[in-house]
Amino acid sequence: MKTKARLMASLKIWVVIYPSITIFLYLLGQPLSVLPLYQRTFILTISLVPWIVFAGVPFVDYLIRRMNNRKARVS
């Protein structure tokens, strides 16, 4: 994978991860705070990794394709 493709992939993942973790912790941070750290981490990862892999990043890819198609039609 070329450097530009790797950079784009990492940016797409970050665009999904940052708001997802923020929303998750906003909604469930207080109830999960009674659990030990390793259990909170497990719950966070087991719920967010599938979201990111199967929904979040594909949605960002879809949005990027739509923007690129729109730009191609305008040009």
C-alpha atoms as a PDB file:
ATOM      1  CA  MET A   1       0.000   0.000   0.000  1.00  0.00           C
ATOM      2  CA  LYS A   2       1.397   3.367  -0.970  1.00  0.00           C
ATOM      3  CA  THR A   3       1.942   6.124   1.537  1.00  0.00           C
ATOM      4  CA  LYS A   4      -0.930   8.266   0.253  1.00  0.00           C
ATOM      5  CA  ALA A   5      -3.379   5.339   0.437  1.00  0.00           C
ATOM      6  CA  ARG A   6      -2.230   4.498   3.961  1.00  0.00           C
ATOM      7  CA  LEU A   7      -2.626   8.114   5.021  1.00  0.00           C
ATOM      8  CA  MET A   8      -6.150   8.247   3.560  1.00  0.00           C
ATOM      9  CA  ALA A   9      -7.080   4.963   5.272  1.00  0.00           C
ATOM     10  CA  SER A  10      -5.821   6.210   8.622  1.00  0.00           C
ATOM     11  CA  LEU A  11      -7.700   9.501   8.247  1.00  0.00           C
ATOM     12  CA  LYS A  12     -10.945   7.687   7.361  1.00  0.00           C
ATOM     13  CA  ILE A  13     -10.591   5.439  10.395  1.00  0.00           C
ATOM     14  CA  TRP A  14      -9.844   8.415  12.650  1.00  0.00           C
ATOM     15  CA  VAL A  15     -12.873  10.306  11.319  1.00  0.00           C
ATOM     16  CA  VAL A  16     -15.024   7.372  12.448  1.00  0.00           C
ATOM     17  CA  ILE A  17     -13.231   6.463  15.677  1.00  0.00           C
ATOM     18  CA  TYR A  18     -13.057   9.890  17.303  1.00  0.00           C
ATOM     19  CA  PRO A  19     -16.781  10.761  17.234  1.00  0.00           C
ATOM     20  CA  SER A  20     -17.770   7.148  17.940  1.00  0.00           C
ATOM     21  CA  ILE A  21     -15.679   6.934  21.108  1.00  0.00           C
ATOM     22  CA  THR A  22     -16.810  10.399  22.186  1.00  0.00           C
ATOM     23  CA  ILE A  23     -20.512   9.543  21.786  1.00  0.00           C
ATOM     24  CA  PHE A  24     -20.073   6.127  23.403  1.00  0.00           C
ATOM     25  CA  LEU A  25     -18.346   7.610  26.448  1.00  0.00           C
ATOM     26  CA  TYR A  26     -20.865  10.459  26.670  1.00  0.00           C
ATOM     27  CA  LEU A  27     -23.776   8.030  26.688  1.00  0.00           C
ATOM     28  CA  LEU A  28     -22.300   5.146  28.695  1.00  0.00           C
ATOM     29  CA  GLY A  29     -19.303   6.612  30.506  1.00  0.00           C
ATOM     30  CA  GLN A  30     -21.031   7.152  33.830  1.00  0.00           C
ATOM     31  CA  PRO A  31     -22.714   3.715  34.054  1.00  0.00           C
ATOM     32  CA  LEU A  32     -19.487   1.978  33.012  1.00  0.00           C
ATOM     33  CA  SER A  33     -17.341   3.921  35.466  1.00  0.00           C
ATOM     34  CA  VAL A  34     -18.121   1.406  38.217  1.00  0.00           C
ATOM     35  CA  LEU A  35     -16.426  -1.373  36.227  1.00  0.00           C
ATOM     36  CA  PRO A  36     -12.686  -2.083  36.289  1.00  0.00           C
ATOM     37  CA  LEU A  37     -10.696  -0.574  33.438  1.00  0.00           C
ATOM     38  CA  TYR A  38     -10.151  -3.879  31.624  1.00  0.00           C
ATOM     39  CA  GLN A  39     -13.921  -4.520  31.538  1.00  0.00           C
ATOM     40  CA  ARG A  40     -14.693  -0.999  30.295  1.00  0.00           C
ATOM     41  CA  THR A  41     -12.051  -1.389  27.598  1.00  0.00           C
ATOM     42  CA  PHE A  42     -13.494  -4.751  26.570  1.00  0.00           C
ATOM     43  CA  ILE A  43     -17.029  -3.349  26.307  1.00  0.00           C
ATOM     44  CA  LEU A  44     -15.789  -0.326  24.387  1.00  0.00           C
ATOM     45  CA  THR A  45     -13.811  -2.390  21.871  1.00  0.00           C
ATOM     46  CA  ILE A  46     -16.338  -5.191  21.418  1.00  0.00           C
ATOM     47  CA  SER A  47     -19.038  -2.679  20.542  1.00  0.00           C
ATOM     48  CA  LEU A  48     -17.053  -0.102  18.558  1.00  0.00           C
ATOM     49  CA  VAL A  49     -14.760  -2.253  16.414  1.00  0.00           C
ATOM     50  CA  PRO A  50     -17.643  -3.909  14.500  1.00  0.00           C
ATOM     51  CA  TRP A  51     -19.347  -0.512  14.159  1.00  0.00           C
ATOM     52  CA  ILE A  52     -16.178   1.006  12.716  1.00  0.00           C
ATOM     53  CA  VAL A  53     -15.349  -1.905  10.392  1.00  0.00           C
ATOM     54  CA  PHE A  54     -18.827  -2.743   9.085  1.00  0.00           C
ATOM     55  CA  ALA A  55     -20.657   0.594   9.196  1.00  0.00           C
ATOM     56  CA  GLY A  56     -18.500   3.612   9.969  1.00  0.00           C
ATOM     57  CA  VAL A  57     -15.651   3.321   7.469  1.00  0.00           C
ATOM     58  CA  PRO A  58     -17.880   2.019   4.638  1.00  0.00           C
ATOM     59  CA  PHE A  59     -20.152   5.027   5.216  1.00  0.00           C
ATOM     60  CA  VAL A  60     -17.187   7.413   5.007  1.00  0.00           C
ATOM     61  CA  ASP A  61     -16.074   5.635   1.799  1.00  0.00           C
ATOM     62  CA  TYR A  62     -19.599   6.099   0.407  1.00  0.00           C
ATOM     63  CA  LEU A  63     -19.553   9.817   1.225  1.00  0.00           C
ATOM     64  CA  ILE A  64     -16.138  10.270  -0.379  1.00  0.00           C
ATOM     65  CA  ARG A  65     -17.279   8.448  -3.540  1.00  0.00           C
ATOM     66  CA  ARG A  66     -20.377  10.650  -3.742  1.00  0.00           C
ATOM     67  CA  MET A  67     -18.319  13.811  -3.366  1.00  0.00           C
ATOM     68  CA  ASN A  68     -15.848  12.626  -6.018  1.00  0.00           C
ATOM     69  CA  ASN A  69     -18.688  11.732  -8.418  1.00  0.00           C
ATOM     70  CA  ARG A  70     -20.312  15.107  -7.856  1.00  0.00           C
ATOM     71  CA  LYS A  71     -17.015  16.883  -8.554  1.00  0.00           C
ATOM     72  CA  ALA A  72     -16.514  14.811 -11.720  1.00  0.00           C
ATOM     73  CA  ARG A  73     -19.971  15.770 -13.021  1.00  0.00           C
ATOM     74  CA  VAL A  74     -19.407  19.471 -12.318  1.00  0.00           C
ATOM     75  CA  SER A  75     -16.024  19.551 -14.099  1.00  0.00           C
END
